[in-house]
Amino acid sequence: MKKIIAFASAAALGLGVAACDSAAENEAEENIEEMEDTRDAQVNEMEAEGAITDEQADAMDDQTDAMEESMEEQADEIDEM
């Protein structure tokens, strides 16, 4: 029971924090997610076609993740301005 209460509290806190995001921050984060999805699809397609190796695809995925993280940090700063 304590685990359920702790989980529910954490979920409520997360929703409360998410509700504090501005519309501009939310839009930026949606654009970032779309960019990530597009790039992931392109990498998967190139790998499936044999244009790149599995290792190259993994490196590109890591690069995409790093770009996404950096961009999301910048989006988080929108509300701090």
Protein backbone atom coordinates (compact mmCIF):
# COMPACT_ATOMS: atom_id res chain seq x y z
CA MET A 1 0.00 0.00 0.00
CA LYS A 2 2.85 2.40 0.82
CA LYS A 3 4.35 1.79 -2.62
CA ILE A 4 1.05 2.70 -4.27
CA ILE A 5 0.81 5.91 -2.27
CA ALA A 6 4.42 6.80 -3.05
CA PHE A 7 3.88 6.12 -6.75
CA ALA A 8 0.66 8.15 -6.82
CA SER A 9 2.40 11.03 -5.04
CA ALA A 10 5.29 10.96 -7.49
CA ALA A 11 2.89 10.87 -10.44
CA ALA A 12 0.90 13.80 -9.07
CA LEU A 13 4.10 15.77 -8.53
CA GLY A 14 5.21 15.02 -12.08
CA LEU A 15 1.89 16.21 -13.44
CA GLY A 16 2.10 19.34 -11.35
CA VAL A 17 5.55 20.13 -12.70
CA ALA A 18 4.46 19.39 -16.26
CA ALA A 19 1.54 21.76 -15.85
CA CYS A 20 4.02 24.58 -15.14
CA ASP A 21 5.51 24.41 -18.64
CA SER A 22 4.59 27.31 -20.86
CA ALA A 23 2.92 26.83 -24.22
CA ALA A 24 6.17 27.86 -25.91
CA GLU A 25 8.15 25.25 -24.00
CA ASN A 26 5.59 22.56 -24.78
CA GLU A 27 5.64 23.46 -28.48
CA ALA A 28 9.45 23.38 -28.53
CA GLU A 29 9.46 19.97 -26.87
CA GLU A 30 6.93 18.64 -29.39
CA ASN A 31 9.13 19.89 -32.24
CA ILE A 32 12.16 18.24 -30.66
CA GLU A 33 10.29 14.92 -30.39
CA GLU A 34 9.24 15.17 -34.06
CA MET A 35 12.85 15.84 -35.08
CA GLU A 36 14.01 12.84 -33.07
CA ASP A 37 11.34 10.58 -34.56
CA THR A 38 12.17 11.72 -38.10
CA ARG A 39 15.89 11.21 -37.63
CA ASP A 40 15.38 7.79 -36.00
CA ALA A 41 13.23 6.72 -38.96
CA GLN A 42 15.88 7.91 -41.42
CA VAL A 43 18.63 6.03 -39.56
CA ASN A 44 16.51 2.88 -39.42
CA GLU A 45 15.79 3.13 -43.14
CA MET A 46 19.46 3.61 -44.03
CA GLU A 47 20.39 0.65 -41.87
CA ALA A 48 17.68 -1.54 -43.40
CA GLU A 49 18.86 -0.61 -46.91
CA GLY A 50 22.43 -1.51 -45.98
CA ALA A 51 23.64 2.05 -46.52
CA ILE A 52 25.12 2.12 -43.01
CA THR A 53 26.33 -0.51 -40.60
CA ASP A 54 24.74 -1.36 -37.27
CA GLU A 55 27.60 0.41 -35.51
CA GLN A 56 27.08 3.54 -37.59
CA ALA A 57 23.35 3.45 -36.82
CA ASP A 58 24.10 3.13 -33.10
CA ALA A 59 26.49 6.10 -33.28
CA MET A 60 23.88 8.17 -35.11
CA ASP A 61 21.25 7.19 -32.53
CA ASP A 62 23.60 8.30 -29.75
CA GLN A 63 24.16 11.59 -31.56
CA THR A 64 20.41 12.08 -31.93
CA ASP A 65 19.89 11.41 -28.22
CA ALA A 66 22.59 13.95 -27.32
CA MET A 67 21.03 16.54 -29.64
CA GLU A 68 17.60 15.92 -28.15
CA GLU A 69 18.87 16.27 -24.60
CA SER A 70 20.67 19.53 -25.40
CA MET A 71 17.65 20.95 -27.19
CA GLU A 72 15.31 19.97 -24.34
CA GLU A 73 17.60 21.71 -21.85
CA GLN A 74 17.36 24.84 -24.01
CA ALA A 75 13.57 24.48 -24.16
CA ASP A 76 13.46 24.22 -20.37
CA GLU A 77 15.20 27.60 -20.20
CA ILE A 78 12.31 29.26 -22.08
CA ASP A 79 10.32 29.54 -18.87
CA GLU A 80 13.32 30.86 -16.98
CA MET A 81 13.65 33.95 -19.17
